[in-house]
Amino acid sequence: MKKYIITTGTVTYAIKGRDTLRRKGIKAKIERITSGKGSAGCGYSIIINDSLNEAVGILHDAGVKILEINESN
């Protein structure tokens, strides 16, 4: 199963995004991430297992700022 990591940067966006996705029926959780990219520091990501396009649309509509999306197995 593919796992999508949607990086939001702040815990506030991550919580808002997770809660919004859950209300729409998409399973989501939050993870704190640490970047090895120098000044990027640490941030927060929303982890989902499916429905990437739907989730991105929902997050944009909710005003959640997405910094990056990565796919993991």
N, C-alpha and C. Protein backbone atom coordinates (compact mmCIF):
# COMPACT_ATOMS: atom_id res chain seq x y z
N MET A 1 0.84 -1.18 0.00
CA MET A 1 0.00 0.00 0.00
C MET A 1 0.89 1.24 0.00
N LYS A 2 0.56 2.20 -0.85
CA LYS A 2 1.31 3.44 -0.90
C LYS A 2 0.93 4.34 0.27
N LYS A 3 1.92 5.07 0.73
CA LYS A 3 1.70 6.04 1.80
C LYS A 3 2.12 7.40 1.24
N TYR A 4 1.29 8.40 1.46
CA TYR A 4 1.59 9.74 1.00
C TYR A 4 1.89 10.63 2.21
N ILE A 5 2.95 11.40 2.10
CA ILE A 5 3.39 12.27 3.17
C ILE A 5 3.21 13.71 2.67
N ILE A 6 2.24 14.39 3.26
CA ILE A 6 1.91 15.76 2.87
C ILE A 6 2.49 16.69 3.92
N THR A 7 3.56 17.38 3.58
CA THR A 7 4.24 18.24 4.53
C THR A 7 3.56 19.61 4.58
N THR A 8 3.21 20.02 5.81
CA THR A 8 2.53 21.29 6.00
C THR A 8 3.41 22.34 6.65
N GLY A 9 4.43 21.94 7.37
CA GLY A 9 5.33 22.88 7.99
C GLY A 9 4.99 23.24 9.42
N THR A 10 3.70 23.44 9.73
CA THR A 10 3.34 23.80 11.10
C THR A 10 2.35 22.80 11.66
N VAL A 11 2.36 22.68 12.97
CA VAL A 11 1.43 21.76 13.64
C VAL A 11 0.00 22.24 13.47
N THR A 12 -0.21 23.55 13.40
CA THR A 12 -1.56 24.08 13.23
C THR A 12 -2.18 23.63 11.92
N TYR A 13 -1.42 23.76 10.81
CA TYR A 13 -1.92 23.29 9.52
C TYR A 13 -2.11 21.78 9.52
N ALA A 14 -1.19 21.07 10.15
CA ALA A 14 -1.28 19.60 10.19
C ALA A 14 -2.54 19.14 10.92
N ILE A 15 -2.83 19.74 12.06
CA ILE A 15 -4.02 19.36 12.83
C ILE A 15 -5.29 19.72 12.06
N LYS A 16 -5.32 20.94 11.51
CA LYS A 16 -6.49 21.36 10.73
C LYS A 16 -6.71 20.42 9.54
N GLY A 17 -5.61 20.08 8.85
CA GLY A 17 -5.71 19.19 7.69
C GLY A 17 -6.16 17.80 8.07
N ARG A 18 -5.57 17.25 9.12
CA ARG A 18 -5.95 15.91 9.58
C ARG A 18 -7.43 15.87 9.94
N ASP A 19 -7.88 16.83 10.72
CA ASP A 19 -9.27 16.85 11.16
C ASP A 19 -10.23 17.03 9.99
N THR A 20 -9.87 17.88 9.05
CA THR A 20 -10.71 18.10 7.87
C THR A 20 -10.81 16.83 7.04
N LEU A 21 -9.68 16.16 6.81
CA LEU A 21 -9.70 14.92 6.03
C LEU A 21 -10.52 13.85 6.73
N ARG A 22 -10.38 13.73 8.03
CA ARG A 22 -11.16 12.73 8.78
C ARG A 22 -12.65 12.98 8.66
N ARG A 23 -13.05 14.26 8.72
CA ARG A 23 -14.48 14.59 8.57
C ARG A 23 -15.00 14.20 7.19
N LYS A 24 -14.12 14.18 6.20
CA LYS A 24 -14.50 13.80 4.83
C LYS A 24 -14.33 12.30 4.58
N GLY A 25 -13.97 11.54 5.61
CA GLY A 25 -13.87 10.09 5.49
C GLY A 25 -12.52 9.55 5.06
N ILE A 26 -11.49 10.39 5.07
CA ILE A 26 -10.15 9.94 4.70
C ILE A 26 -9.34 9.74 5.98
N LYS A 27 -8.78 8.55 6.15
CA LYS A 27 -7.95 8.27 7.32
C LYS A 27 -6.66 9.05 7.20
N ALA A 28 -6.33 9.79 8.27
CA ALA A 28 -5.14 10.62 8.26
C ALA A 28 -4.55 10.68 9.66
N LYS A 29 -3.21 10.79 9.70
CA LYS A 29 -2.53 10.97 10.98
C LYS A 29 -1.43 12.00 10.78
N ILE A 30 -0.89 12.49 11.89
CA ILE A 30 0.16 13.50 11.86
C ILE A 30 1.46 12.89 12.36
N GLU A 31 2.55 13.28 11.70
CA GLU A 31 3.89 12.91 12.16
C GLU A 31 4.77 14.14 12.14
N ARG A 32 5.61 14.28 13.16
CA ARG A 32 6.61 15.34 13.17
C ARG A 32 7.79 14.84 12.36
N ILE A 33 8.28 15.70 11.49
CA ILE A 33 9.40 15.30 10.65
C ILE A 33 10.59 16.22 10.90
N THR A 34 11.76 15.68 10.69
CA THR A 34 12.99 16.47 10.78
C THR A 34 13.66 16.39 9.42
N SER A 35 13.96 17.55 8.88
CA SER A 35 14.56 17.60 7.56
C SER A 35 16.08 17.64 7.66
N GLY A 36 16.72 16.94 6.78
CA GLY A 36 18.17 16.99 6.71
C GLY A 36 18.64 18.02 5.71
N LYS A 37 17.76 18.95 5.33
CA LYS A 37 18.07 19.93 4.29
C LYS A 37 18.53 21.26 4.86
N GLY A 38 19.34 21.22 5.89
CA GLY A 38 19.91 22.45 6.44
C GLY A 38 18.89 23.34 7.11
N SER A 39 18.58 24.49 6.50
CA SER A 39 17.74 25.49 7.14
C SER A 39 16.26 25.13 7.13
N ALA A 40 15.86 24.05 6.47
CA ALA A 40 14.45 23.67 6.42
C ALA A 40 13.92 23.31 7.80
N GLY A 41 14.79 22.87 8.70
CA GLY A 41 14.39 22.57 10.08
C GLY A 41 13.42 21.41 10.16
N CYS A 42 12.53 21.50 11.13
CA CYS A 42 11.55 20.43 11.30
C CYS A 42 10.16 20.96 11.00
N GLY A 43 9.26 20.07 10.74
CA GLY A 43 7.89 20.45 10.42
C GLY A 43 6.96 19.32 10.74
N TYR A 44 5.77 19.41 10.21
CA TYR A 44 4.76 18.40 10.47
C TYR A 44 4.15 17.95 9.16
N SER A 45 3.81 16.69 9.11
CA SER A 45 3.22 16.11 7.90
C SER A 45 1.93 15.38 8.23
N ILE A 46 1.06 15.35 7.24
CA ILE A 46 -0.16 14.56 7.31
C ILE A 46 0.11 13.30 6.50
N ILE A 47 -0.15 12.15 7.09
CA ILE A 47 0.10 10.87 6.43
C ILE A 47 -1.25 10.26 6.04
N ILE A 48 -1.38 9.92 4.75
CA ILE A 48 -2.58 9.23 4.27
C ILE A 48 -2.14 8.02 3.46
N ASN A 49 -3.05 7.07 3.26
CA ASN A 49 -2.72 5.86 2.51
C ASN A 49 -3.35 5.79 1.14
N ASP A 50 -4.28 6.65 0.85
CA ASP A 50 -4.92 6.63 -0.46
C ASP A 50 -5.57 7.97 -0.73
N SER A 51 -6.25 8.09 -1.82
CA SER A 51 -7.05 9.28 -2.17
C SER A 51 -6.22 10.56 -2.20
N LEU A 52 -5.02 10.52 -2.78
CA LEU A 52 -4.15 11.69 -2.76
C LEU A 52 -4.80 12.89 -3.43
N ASN A 53 -5.31 12.72 -4.64
CA ASN A 53 -5.89 13.86 -5.37
C ASN A 53 -7.07 14.45 -4.61
N GLU A 54 -7.92 13.60 -4.07
CA GLU A 54 -9.06 14.06 -3.30
C GLU A 54 -8.59 14.81 -2.05
N ALA A 55 -7.60 14.25 -1.36
CA ALA A 55 -7.08 14.86 -0.13
C ALA A 55 -6.48 16.23 -0.41
N VAL A 56 -5.72 16.35 -1.48
CA VAL A 56 -5.09 17.63 -1.82
C VAL A 56 -6.16 18.68 -2.11
N GLY A 57 -7.19 18.30 -2.82
CA GLY A 57 -8.29 19.22 -3.10
C GLY A 57 -8.98 19.69 -1.83
N ILE A 58 -9.23 18.75 -0.93
CA ILE A 58 -9.87 19.08 0.35
C ILE A 58 -8.99 20.03 1.16
N LEU A 59 -7.70 19.74 1.21
CA LEU A 59 -6.78 20.58 1.98
C LEU A 59 -6.69 21.99 1.39
N HIS A 60 -6.64 22.09 0.07
CA HIS A 60 -6.60 23.42 -0.56
C HIS A 60 -7.88 24.20 -0.24
N ASP A 61 -9.02 23.53 -0.35
CA ASP A 61 -10.30 24.19 -0.04
C ASP A 61 -10.36 24.66 1.41
N ALA A 62 -9.69 23.93 2.31
CA ALA A 62 -9.70 24.27 3.73
C ALA A 62 -8.63 25.33 4.08
N GLY A 63 -7.81 25.69 3.11
CA GLY A 63 -6.79 26.70 3.36
C GLY A 63 -5.53 26.17 4.01
N VAL A 64 -5.30 24.87 3.91
CA VAL A 64 -4.10 24.27 4.50
C VAL A 64 -2.95 24.43 3.50
N LYS A 65 -1.88 25.06 3.95
CA LYS A 65 -0.71 25.29 3.10
C LYS A 65 0.12 24.02 3.01
N ILE A 66 0.29 23.51 1.79
CA ILE A 66 1.07 22.30 1.54
C ILE A 66 2.45 22.71 1.02
N LEU A 67 3.48 22.25 1.69
CA LEU A 67 4.85 22.58 1.27
C LEU A 67 5.40 21.55 0.29
N GLU A 68 5.04 20.27 0.51
CA GLU A 68 5.65 19.20 -0.27
C GLU A 68 4.79 17.93 -0.12
N ILE A 69 4.81 17.11 -1.17
CA ILE A 69 4.12 15.81 -1.12
C ILE A 69 5.12 14.75 -1.57
N ASN A 70 5.28 13.71 -0.75
CA ASN A 70 6.16 12.60 -1.10
C ASN A 70 5.38 11.30 -1.02
N GLU A 71 5.85 10.32 -1.78
CA GLU A 71 5.23 9.00 -1.78
C GLU A 71 6.21 8.00 -1.18
N SER A 72 5.69 7.12 -0.36
CA SER A 72 6.50 6.09 0.28
C SER A 72 5.79 4.77 0.18
N ASN A 73 6.53 3.68 0.24
CA ASN A 73 5.90 2.35 0.19
C ASN A 73 5.72 1.79 1.56
